[in-house]
Protein backbone atom coordinates (compact mmCIF):
# COMPACT_ATOMS: atom_id res chain seq x y z
CA UNK A 1 0.00 0.00 0.00
CA UNK A 2 1.24 3.48 -0.90
CA UNK A 3 0.12 6.27 1.43
CA UNK A 4 -0.41 9.69 -0.14
CA UNK A 5 0.02 12.15 2.73
CA UNK A 6 -2.31 15.12 2.41
CA UNK A 7 -1.30 18.42 4.03
CA UNK A 8 -4.49 20.40 4.70
CA UNK A 9 -4.72 24.09 3.90
CA UNK A 10 -7.09 26.66 5.36
CA UNK A 11 -10.24 27.39 3.39
CA UNK A 12 -9.63 31.02 2.50
CA UNK A 13 -11.10 33.22 -0.18
CA UNK A 14 -7.78 33.11 -2.05
CA UNK A 15 -7.61 29.30 -1.99
CA UNK A 16 -11.21 28.98 -3.16
CA UNK A 17 -10.56 31.54 -5.91
CA UNK A 18 -7.63 29.43 -7.16
CA UNK A 19 -9.91 26.37 -7.31
CA UNK A 20 -12.44 28.42 -9.24
CA UNK A 21 -9.85 29.68 -11.74
CA UNK A 22 -8.82 26.05 -12.30
CA UNK A 23 -12.43 25.23 -13.21
CA UNK A 24 -13.01 22.89 -10.25
CA UNK A 25 -15.68 24.90 -8.39
CA UNK A 26 -17.91 27.94 -8.69
CA UNK A 27 -17.94 30.09 -5.58
CA UNK A 28 -21.25 31.18 -4.07
CA UNK A 29 -20.18 34.20 -2.05
CA UNK A 30 -20.89 37.91 -1.59
CA UNK A 31 -20.26 40.14 -4.62
CA UNK A 32 -19.58 37.15 -6.88
CA UNK A 33 -22.66 37.15 -9.12
CA UNK A 34 -24.05 40.63 -8.75
CA UNK A 35 -26.00 41.99 -11.70
CA UNK A 36 -26.89 45.58 -12.62
CA UNK A 37 -30.61 45.82 -13.32
CA UNK A 38 -32.07 49.24 -14.11
CA UNK A 39 -33.92 50.94 -11.28
CA UNK A 40 -37.34 49.39 -10.80
CA UNK A 41 -36.37 46.01 -12.31
CA UNK A 42 -34.70 42.78 -11.26
CA UNK A 43 -32.11 40.72 -13.09
CA UNK A 44 -31.63 36.96 -12.98
CA UNK A 45 -28.62 34.91 -14.07
CA UNK A 46 -28.66 31.12 -14.27
CA UNK A 47 -25.44 29.85 -12.74
CA UNK A 48 -25.97 26.35 -14.14
CA UNK A 49 -28.73 23.87 -14.87
CA UNK A 50 -28.54 20.16 -14.08
CA UNK A 51 -27.87 17.80 -16.95
CA UNK A 52 -30.82 15.82 -18.24
CA UNK A 53 -31.26 12.34 -16.86
CA UNK A 54 -30.19 12.75 -13.23
CA UNK A 55 -33.58 13.80 -11.88
CA UNK A 56 -34.76 16.79 -9.93
CA UNK A 57 -32.58 18.37 -7.26
CA UNK A 58 -32.59 17.19 -3.66
CA UNK A 59 -31.14 18.56 -0.43
CA UNK A 60 -29.29 16.12 1.82
CA UNK A 61 -27.42 16.36 5.08
CA UNK A 62 -24.11 14.52 5.26
CA UNK A 63 -22.46 13.43 8.52
CA UNK A 64 -18.88 12.24 8.14
CA UNK A 65 -17.46 9.81 10.69
CA UNK A 66 -14.62 8.08 8.87
CA UNK A 67 -10.91 8.77 8.71
CA UNK A 68 -10.56 7.06 5.33
CA UNK A 69 -11.43 8.75 2.03
CA UNK A 70 -13.50 5.66 1.18
CA UNK A 71 -16.06 7.71 -0.77
CA UNK A 72 -13.50 9.44 -3.01
CA UNK A 73 -15.06 9.69 -6.45
CA UNK A 74 -16.72 11.85 -9.07
CA UNK A 75 -20.24 12.83 -9.98
CA UNK A 76 -21.20 13.24 -13.65
CA UNK A 77 -22.98 16.51 -12.79
CA UNK A 78 -22.50 19.45 -10.42
CA UNK A 79 -23.39 19.47 -6.73
CA UNK A 80 -23.57 22.33 -4.24
CA UNK A 81 -21.75 22.26 -0.91
CA UNK A 82 -23.39 24.21 1.90
CA UNK A 83 -20.91 23.98 4.75
CA UNK A 84 -23.40 25.05 7.38
CA UNK A 85 -22.34 23.29 10.52
CA UNK A 86 -21.00 23.24 14.04
CA UNK A 87 -17.30 24.08 14.19
CA UNK A 88 -17.04 22.30 17.55
CA UNK A 89 -17.03 18.83 15.95
CA UNK A 90 -14.38 16.50 14.54
CA UNK A 91 -12.20 18.40 12.05
CA UNK A 92 -13.33 17.57 8.51
CA UNK A 93 -11.22 17.64 5.38
CA UNK A 94 -12.27 17.87 1.75
CA UNK A 95 -9.69 16.37 -0.60
CA UNK A 96 -10.02 17.58 -4.20
CA UNK A 97 -8.03 16.15 -7.07
CA UNK A 98 -6.31 18.81 -9.16
CA UNK A 99 -6.39 16.29 -12.00
CA UNK A 100 -9.32 15.28 -14.16
CA UNK A 101 -10.81 11.89 -13.40
CA UNK A 102 -9.04 10.47 -16.46
CA UNK A 103 -5.66 11.95 -15.48
CA UNK A 104 -6.10 10.66 -11.93
CA UNK A 105 -6.90 7.15 -13.16
CA UNK A 106 -3.87 7.25 -15.45
CA UNK A 107 -1.49 8.31 -12.67
CA UNK A 108 -2.89 5.62 -10.35
CA UNK A 109 -2.42 2.97 -13.05
CA UNK A 110 1.08 4.25 -13.81
CA UNK A 111 2.13 4.35 -10.16
CA UNK A 112 2.99 8.05 -10.32
CA UNK A 113 0.34 9.58 -8.03
CA UNK A 114 1.68 12.30 -5.70
CA UNK A 115 0.36 14.47 -2.89
CA UNK A 116 0.74 17.50 -5.21
CA UNK A 117 -2.09 16.04 -7.32
CA UNK A 118 -4.52 17.05 -4.54
CA UNK A 119 -5.56 20.00 -2.48
CA UNK A 120 -6.97 19.16 0.92
CA UNK A 121 -9.13 21.81 2.53
CA UNK A 122 -9.58 22.03 6.28
CA UNK A 123 -13.32 22.64 6.12
CA UNK A 124 -14.54 25.96 7.45
CA UNK A 125 -18.20 26.28 8.34
CA UNK A 126 -20.63 29.18 8.08
CA UNK A 127 -18.27 31.57 6.26
CA UNK A 128 -19.98 33.39 3.39
CA UNK A 129 -16.65 33.72 1.54
CA UNK A 130 -15.66 30.04 1.45
CA UNK A 131 -18.36 27.71 2.81
CA UNK A 132 -20.74 27.67 -0.16
CA UNK A 133 -19.73 26.51 -3.63
CA UNK A 134 -20.58 24.33 -6.59
CA UNK A 135 -18.31 21.32 -7.08
CA UNK A 136 -18.13 20.89 -10.82
CA UNK A 137 -19.00 17.65 -12.57
CA UNK A 138 -16.22 15.07 -12.94
CA UNK A 139 -13.97 16.61 -10.26
CA UNK A 140 -12.73 13.76 -8.03
CA UNK A 141 -13.23 14.59 -4.35
CA UNK A 142 -14.07 13.12 -0.97
CA UNK A 143 -14.39 13.90 2.74
CA UNK A 144 -12.78 12.46 5.86
CA UNK A 145 -12.20 13.42 9.48
CA UNK A 146 -9.38 13.24 11.95
CA UNK A 147 -10.72 11.68 15.14
CA UNK A 148 -10.33 14.04 18.08
CA UNK A 149 -13.08 12.49 20.18
CA UNK A 150 -15.71 15.09 19.31
CA UNK A 151 -19.03 14.61 17.53
CA UNK A 152 -18.86 13.90 13.79
CA UNK A 153 -19.44 16.93 11.54
CA UNK A 154 -22.54 17.46 9.43
CA UNK A 155 -23.06 19.68 6.39
CA UNK A 156 -25.52 20.00 3.48
CA UNK A 157 -25.37 19.13 -0.20
CA UNK A 158 -27.83 19.77 -3.00
CA UNK A 159 -27.54 17.53 -6.01
CA UNK A 160 -29.66 15.81 -8.60
CA UNK A 161 -31.89 13.15 -7.10
CA UNK A 162 -30.46 10.31 -9.22
CA UNK A 163 -26.82 11.45 -9.26
CA UNK A 164 -24.44 8.47 -9.06
CA UNK A 165 -21.04 8.54 -7.33
CA UNK A 166 -18.64 6.32 -9.23
CA UNK A 167 -15.79 5.70 -6.78
CA UNK A 168 -12.20 6.15 -7.89
CA UNK A 169 -10.27 2.89 -7.83
CA UNK A 170 -7.22 4.05 -5.90
CA UNK A 171 -5.40 0.74 -6.49
CA UNK A 172 -2.57 0.46 -3.97
CA UNK A 173 -2.87 4.13 -2.97
CA UNK A 174 -4.56 5.43 0.18
CA UNK A 175 -5.17 9.09 0.97
CA UNK A 176 -4.38 10.12 4.53
CA UNK A 177 -4.54 13.51 6.23
CA UNK A 178 -1.18 14.26 7.82
CA UNK A 179 -1.27 15.16 11.51
CA UNK A 180 -1.37 18.88 12.10
C-alpha atoms as a PDB file:
ATOM      1  CA  UNK A   1       0.000   0.000   0.000  1.00  0.00           C
ATOM      2  CA  UNK A   2       1.242   3.481  -0.899  1.00  0.00           C
ATOM      3  CA  UNK A   3       0.121   6.270   1.431  1.00  0.00           C
ATOM      4  CA  UNK A   4      -0.410   9.687  -0.139  1.00  0.00           C
ATOM      5  CA  UNK A   5       0.019  12.153   2.731  1.00  0.00           C
ATOM      6  CA  UNK A   6      -2.307  15.121   2.406  1.00  0.00           C
ATOM      7  CA  UNK A   7      -1.301  18.417   4.032  1.00  0.00           C
ATOM      8  CA  UNK A   8      -4.488  20.398   4.697  1.00  0.00           C
ATOM      9  CA  UNK A   9      -4.721  24.088   3.903  1.00  0.00           C
ATOM     10  CA  UNK A  10      -7.092  26.659   5.362  1.00  0.00           C
ATOM     11  CA  UNK A  11     -10.240  27.391   3.388  1.00  0.00           C
ATOM     12  CA  UNK A  12      -9.632  31.022   2.501  1.00  0.00           C
ATOM     13  CA  UNK A  13     -11.102  33.223  -0.181  1.00  0.00           C
ATOM     14  CA  UNK A  14      -7.785  33.113  -2.046  1.00  0.00           C
ATOM     15  CA  UNK A  15      -7.615  29.305  -1.988  1.00  0.00           C
ATOM     16  CA  UNK A  16     -11.209  28.979  -3.162  1.00  0.00           C
ATOM     17  CA  UNK A  17     -10.556  31.539  -5.906  1.00  0.00           C
ATOM     18  CA  UNK A  18      -7.630  29.425  -7.164  1.00  0.00           C
ATOM     19  CA  UNK A  19      -9.912  26.367  -7.305  1.00  0.00           C
ATOM     20  CA  UNK A  20     -12.445  28.420  -9.243  1.00  0.00           C
ATOM     21  CA  UNK A  21      -9.850  29.682 -11.742  1.00  0.00           C
ATOM     22  CA  UNK A  22      -8.816  26.046 -12.295  1.00  0.00           C
ATOM     23  CA  UNK A  23     -12.431  25.227 -13.208  1.00  0.00           C
ATOM     24  CA  UNK A  24     -13.013  22.892 -10.254  1.00  0.00           C
ATOM     25  CA  UNK A  25     -15.683  24.898  -8.394  1.00  0.00           C
ATOM     26  CA  UNK A  26     -17.914  27.942  -8.689  1.00  0.00           C
ATOM     27  CA  UNK A  27     -17.936  30.092  -5.580  1.00  0.00           C
ATOM     28  CA  UNK A  28     -21.251  31.179  -4.065  1.00  0.00           C
ATOM     29  CA  UNK A  29     -20.180  34.195  -2.047  1.00  0.00           C
ATOM     30  CA  UNK A  30     -20.888  37.913  -1.587  1.00  0.00           C
ATOM     31  CA  UNK A  31     -20.259  40.144  -4.622  1.00  0.00           C
ATOM     32  CA  UNK A  32     -19.585  37.150  -6.877  1.00  0.00           C
ATOM     33  CA  UNK A  33     -22.656  37.147  -9.116  1.00  0.00           C
ATOM     34  CA  UNK A  34     -24.051  40.626  -8.750  1.00  0.00           C
ATOM     35  CA  UNK A  35     -26.000  41.994 -11.703  1.00  0.00           C
ATOM     36  CA  UNK A  36     -26.890  45.577 -12.616  1.00  0.00           C
ATOM     37  CA  UNK A  37     -30.614  45.822 -13.321  1.00  0.00           C
ATOM     38  CA  UNK A  38     -32.067  49.240 -14.112  1.00  0.00           C
ATOM     39  CA  UNK A  39     -33.915  50.945 -11.276  1.00  0.00           C
ATOM     40  CA  UNK A  40     -37.342  49.387 -10.799  1.00  0.00           C
ATOM     41  CA  UNK A  41     -36.368  46.011 -12.312  1.00  0.00           C
ATOM     42  CA  UNK A  42     -34.703  42.781 -11.261  1.00  0.00           C
ATOM     43  CA  UNK A  43     -32.112  40.724 -13.092  1.00  0.00           C
ATOM     44  CA  UNK A  44     -31.626  36.964 -12.976  1.00  0.00           C
ATOM     45  CA  UNK A  45     -28.623  34.913 -14.071  1.00  0.00           C
ATOM     46  CA  UNK A  46     -28.664  31.123 -14.271  1.00  0.00           C
ATOM     47  CA  UNK A  47     -25.440  29.846 -12.740  1.00  0.00           C
ATOM     48  CA  UNK A  48     -25.965  26.350 -14.145  1.00  0.00           C
ATOM     49  CA  UNK A  49     -28.731  23.867 -14.865  1.00  0.00           C
ATOM     50  CA  UNK A  50     -28.540  20.162 -14.081  1.00  0.00           C
ATOM     51  CA  UNK A  51     -27.867  17.802 -16.947  1.00  0.00           C
ATOM     52  CA  UNK A  52     -30.822  15.821 -18.240  1.00  0.00           C
ATOM     53  CA  UNK A  53     -31.259  12.339 -16.857  1.00  0.00           C
ATOM     54  CA  UNK A  54     -30.192  12.751 -13.231  1.00  0.00           C
ATOM     55  CA  UNK A  55     -33.577  13.797 -11.879  1.00  0.00           C
ATOM     56  CA  UNK A  56     -34.758  16.789  -9.927  1.00  0.00           C
ATOM     57  CA  UNK A  57     -32.582  18.365  -7.255  1.00  0.00           C
ATOM     58  CA  UNK A  58     -32.590  17.188  -3.658  1.00  0.00           C
ATOM     59  CA  UNK A  59     -31.136  18.565  -0.433  1.00  0.00           C
ATOM     60  CA  UNK A  60     -29.290  16.119   1.817  1.00  0.00           C
ATOM     61  CA  UNK A  61     -27.418  16.361   5.082  1.00  0.00           C
ATOM     62  CA  UNK A  62     -24.109  14.524   5.262  1.00  0.00           C
ATOM     63  CA  UNK A  63     -22.461  13.431   8.522  1.00  0.00           C
ATOM     64  CA  UNK A  64     -18.880  12.242   8.142  1.00  0.00           C
ATOM     65  CA  UNK A  65     -17.462   9.810  10.691  1.00  0.00           C
ATOM     66  CA  UNK A  66     -14.618   8.077   8.867  1.00  0.00           C
ATOM     67  CA  UNK A  67     -10.911   8.772   8.709  1.00  0.00           C
ATOM     68  CA  UNK A  68     -10.560   7.065   5.328  1.00  0.00           C
ATOM     69  CA  UNK A  69     -11.431   8.750   2.032  1.00  0.00           C
ATOM     70  CA  UNK A  70     -13.503   5.663   1.184  1.00  0.00           C
ATOM     71  CA  UNK A  71     -16.058   7.707  -0.771  1.00  0.00           C
ATOM     72  CA  UNK A  72     -13.504   9.444  -3.010  1.00  0.00           C
ATOM     73  CA  UNK A  73     -15.060   9.689  -6.455  1.00  0.00           C
ATOM     74  CA  UNK A  74     -16.722  11.849  -9.074  1.00  0.00           C
ATOM     75  CA  UNK A  75     -20.244  12.834  -9.981  1.00  0.00           C
ATOM     76  CA  UNK A  76     -21.199  13.241 -13.647  1.00  0.00           C
ATOM     77  CA  UNK A  77     -22.980  16.514 -12.786  1.00  0.00           C
ATOM     78  CA  UNK A  78     -22.504  19.452 -10.423  1.00  0.00           C
ATOM     79  CA  UNK A  79     -23.391  19.474  -6.732  1.00  0.00           C
ATOM     80  CA  UNK A  80     -23.572  22.331  -4.238  1.00  0.00           C
ATOM     81  CA  UNK A  81     -21.754  22.261  -0.911  1.00  0.00           C
ATOM     82  CA  UNK A  82     -23.394  24.208   1.899  1.00  0.00           C
ATOM     83  CA  UNK A  83     -20.910  23.979   4.751  1.00  0.00           C
ATOM     84  CA  UNK A  84     -23.402  25.054   7.384  1.00  0.00           C
ATOM     85  CA  UNK A  85     -22.336  23.286  10.521  1.00  0.00           C
ATOM     86  CA  UNK A  86     -21.001  23.242  14.039  1.00  0.00           C
ATOM     87  CA  UNK A  87     -17.302  24.084  14.187  1.00  0.00           C
ATOM     88  CA  UNK A  88     -17.043  22.303  17.549  1.00  0.00           C
ATOM     89  CA  UNK A  89     -17.032  18.831  15.949  1.00  0.00           C
ATOM     90  CA  UNK A  90     -14.375  16.501  14.536  1.00  0.00           C
ATOM     91  CA  UNK A  91     -12.198  18.396  12.054  1.00  0.00           C
ATOM     92  CA  UNK A  92     -13.328  17.568   8.514  1.00  0.00           C
ATOM     93  CA  UNK A  93     -11.219  17.642   5.379  1.00  0.00           C
ATOM     94  CA  UNK A  94     -12.273  17.872   1.749  1.00  0.00           C
ATOM     95  CA  UNK A  95      -9.689  16.366  -0.599  1.00  0.00           C
ATOM     96  CA  UNK A  96     -10.016  17.576  -4.198  1.00  0.00           C
ATOM     97  CA  UNK A  97      -8.028  16.152  -7.072  1.00  0.00           C
ATOM     98  CA  UNK A  98      -6.310  18.809  -9.158  1.00  0.00           C
ATOM     99  CA  UNK A  99      -6.389  16.291 -11.999  1.00  0.00           C
ATOM    100  CA  UNK A 100      -9.315  15.279 -14.162  1.00  0.00           C
ATOM    101  CA  UNK A 101     -10.813  11.887 -13.404  1.00  0.00           C
ATOM    102  CA  UNK A 102      -9.038  10.467 -16.462  1.00  0.00           C
ATOM    103  CA  UNK A 103      -5.658  11.947 -15.480  1.00  0.00           C
ATOM    104  CA  UNK A 104      -6.097  10.665 -11.930  1.00  0.00           C
ATOM    105  CA  UNK A 105      -6.901   7.145 -13.165  1.00  0.00           C
ATOM    106  CA  UNK A 106      -3.868   7.248 -15.445  1.00  0.00           C
ATOM    107  CA  UNK A 107      -1.491   8.309 -12.666  1.00  0.00           C
ATOM    108  CA  UNK A 108      -2.886   5.622 -10.352  1.00  0.00           C
ATOM    109  CA  UNK A 109      -2.421   2.968 -13.055  1.00  0.00           C
ATOM    110  CA  UNK A 110       1.084   4.246 -13.806  1.00  0.00           C
ATOM    111  CA  UNK A 111       2.130   4.349 -10.156  1.00  0.00           C
ATOM    112  CA  UNK A 112       2.989   8.053 -10.324  1.00  0.00           C
ATOM    113  CA  UNK A 113       0.342   9.585  -8.034  1.00  0.00           C
ATOM    114  CA  UNK A 114       1.684  12.302  -5.699  1.00  0.00           C
ATOM    115  CA  UNK A 115       0.365  14.465  -2.895  1.00  0.00           C
ATOM    116  CA  UNK A 116       0.740  17.499  -5.207  1.00  0.00           C
ATOM    117  CA  UNK A 117      -2.087  16.040  -7.319  1.00  0.00           C
ATOM    118  CA  UNK A 118      -4.521  17.051  -4.544  1.00  0.00           C
ATOM    119  CA  UNK A 119      -5.555  20.003  -2.477  1.00  0.00           C
ATOM    120  CA  UNK A 120      -6.971  19.161   0.922  1.00  0.00           C
ATOM    121  CA  UNK A 121      -9.132  21.812   2.526  1.00  0.00           C
ATOM    122  CA  UNK A 122      -9.576  22.033   6.277  1.00  0.00           C
ATOM    123  CA  UNK A 123     -13.319  22.636   6.125  1.00  0.00           C
ATOM    124  CA  UNK A 124     -14.537  25.961   7.447  1.00  0.00           C
ATOM    125  CA  UNK A 125     -18.197  26.281   8.343  1.00  0.00           C
ATOM    126  CA  UNK A 126     -20.625  29.181   8.080  1.00  0.00           C
ATOM    127  CA  UNK A 127     -18.269  31.569   6.263  1.00  0.00           C
ATOM    128  CA  UNK A 128     -19.985  33.391   3.386  1.00  0.00           C
ATOM    129  CA  UNK A 129     -16.654  33.721   1.537  1.00  0.00           C
ATOM    130  CA  UNK A 130     -15.663  30.042   1.447  1.00  0.00           C
ATOM    131  CA  UNK A 131     -18.357  27.712   2.807  1.00  0.00           C
ATOM    132  CA  UNK A 132     -20.744  27.675  -0.165  1.00  0.00           C
ATOM    133  CA  UNK A 133     -19.734  26.510  -3.627  1.00  0.00           C
ATOM    134  CA  UNK A 134     -20.578  24.331  -6.593  1.00  0.00           C
ATOM    135  CA  UNK A 135     -18.307  21.316  -7.077  1.00  0.00           C
ATOM    136  CA  UNK A 136     -18.127  20.888 -10.824  1.00  0.00           C
ATOM    137  CA  UNK A 137     -18.996  17.648 -12.570  1.00  0.00           C
ATOM    138  CA  UNK A 138     -16.216  15.071 -12.938  1.00  0.00           C
ATOM    139  CA  UNK A 139     -13.974  16.608 -10.258  1.00  0.00           C
ATOM    140  CA  UNK A 140     -12.726  13.760  -8.030  1.00  0.00           C
ATOM    141  CA  UNK A 141     -13.229  14.589  -4.349  1.00  0.00           C
ATOM    142  CA  UNK A 142     -14.069  13.123  -0.970  1.00  0.00           C
ATOM    143  CA  UNK A 143     -14.392  13.895   2.744  1.00  0.00           C
ATOM    144  CA  UNK A 144     -12.775  12.459   5.857  1.00  0.00           C
ATOM    145  CA  UNK A 145     -12.199  13.425   9.479  1.00  0.00           C
ATOM    146  CA  UNK A 146      -9.378  13.236  11.952  1.00  0.00           C
ATOM    147  CA  UNK A 147     -10.715  11.676  15.142  1.00  0.00           C
ATOM    148  CA  UNK A 148     -10.326  14.039  18.076  1.00  0.00           C
ATOM    149  CA  UNK A 149     -13.079  12.490  20.184  1.00  0.00           C
ATOM    150  CA  UNK A 150     -15.713  15.090  19.312  1.00  0.00           C
ATOM    151  CA  UNK A 151     -19.035  14.608  17.535  1.00  0.00           C
ATOM    152  CA  UNK A 152     -18.859  13.897  13.792  1.00  0.00           C
ATOM    153  CA  UNK A 153     -19.440  16.928  11.540  1.00  0.00           C
ATOM    154  CA  UNK A 154     -22.544  17.459   9.429  1.00  0.00           C
ATOM    155  CA  UNK A 155     -23.061  19.682   6.387  1.00  0.00           C
ATOM    156  CA  UNK A 156     -25.520  20.003   3.483  1.00  0.00           C
ATOM    157  CA  UNK A 157     -25.372  19.127  -0.199  1.00  0.00           C
ATOM    158  CA  UNK A 158     -27.826  19.768  -2.998  1.00  0.00           C
ATOM    159  CA  UNK A 159     -27.542  17.526  -6.006  1.00  0.00           C
ATOM    160  CA  UNK A 160     -29.663  15.813  -8.601  1.00  0.00           C
ATOM    161  CA  UNK A 161     -31.892  13.149  -7.103  1.00  0.00           C
ATOM    162  CA  UNK A 162     -30.461  10.307  -9.218  1.00  0.00           C
ATOM    163  CA  UNK A 163     -26.817  11.453  -9.259  1.00  0.00           C
ATOM    164  CA  UNK A 164     -24.442   8.474  -9.057  1.00  0.00           C
ATOM    165  CA  UNK A 165     -21.044   8.542  -7.329  1.00  0.00           C
ATOM    166  CA  UNK A 166     -18.638   6.316  -9.228  1.00  0.00           C
ATOM    167  CA  UNK A 167     -15.793   5.696  -6.777  1.00  0.00           C
ATOM    168  CA  UNK A 168     -12.205   6.153  -7.886  1.00  0.00           C
ATOM    169  CA  UNK A 169     -10.274   2.890  -7.831  1.00  0.00           C
ATOM    170  CA  UNK A 170      -7.217   4.049  -5.895  1.00  0.00           C
ATOM    171  CA  UNK A 171      -5.397   0.738  -6.486  1.00  0.00           C
ATOM    172  CA  UNK A 172      -2.568   0.462  -3.970  1.00  0.00           C
ATOM    173  CA  UNK A 173      -2.867   4.128  -2.966  1.00  0.00           C
ATOM    174  CA  UNK A 174      -4.562   5.431   0.182  1.00  0.00           C
ATOM    175  CA  UNK A 175      -5.166   9.090   0.973  1.00  0.00           C
ATOM    176  CA  UNK A 176      -4.381  10.124   4.529  1.00  0.00           C
ATOM    177  CA  UNK A 177      -4.540  13.511   6.234  1.00  0.00           C
ATOM    178  CA  UNK A 178      -1.178  14.257   7.823  1.00  0.00           C
ATOM    179  CA  UNK A 179      -1.271  15.161  11.507  1.00  0.00           C
ATOM    180  CA  UNK A 180      -1.366  18.880  12.103  1.00  0.00           C
END
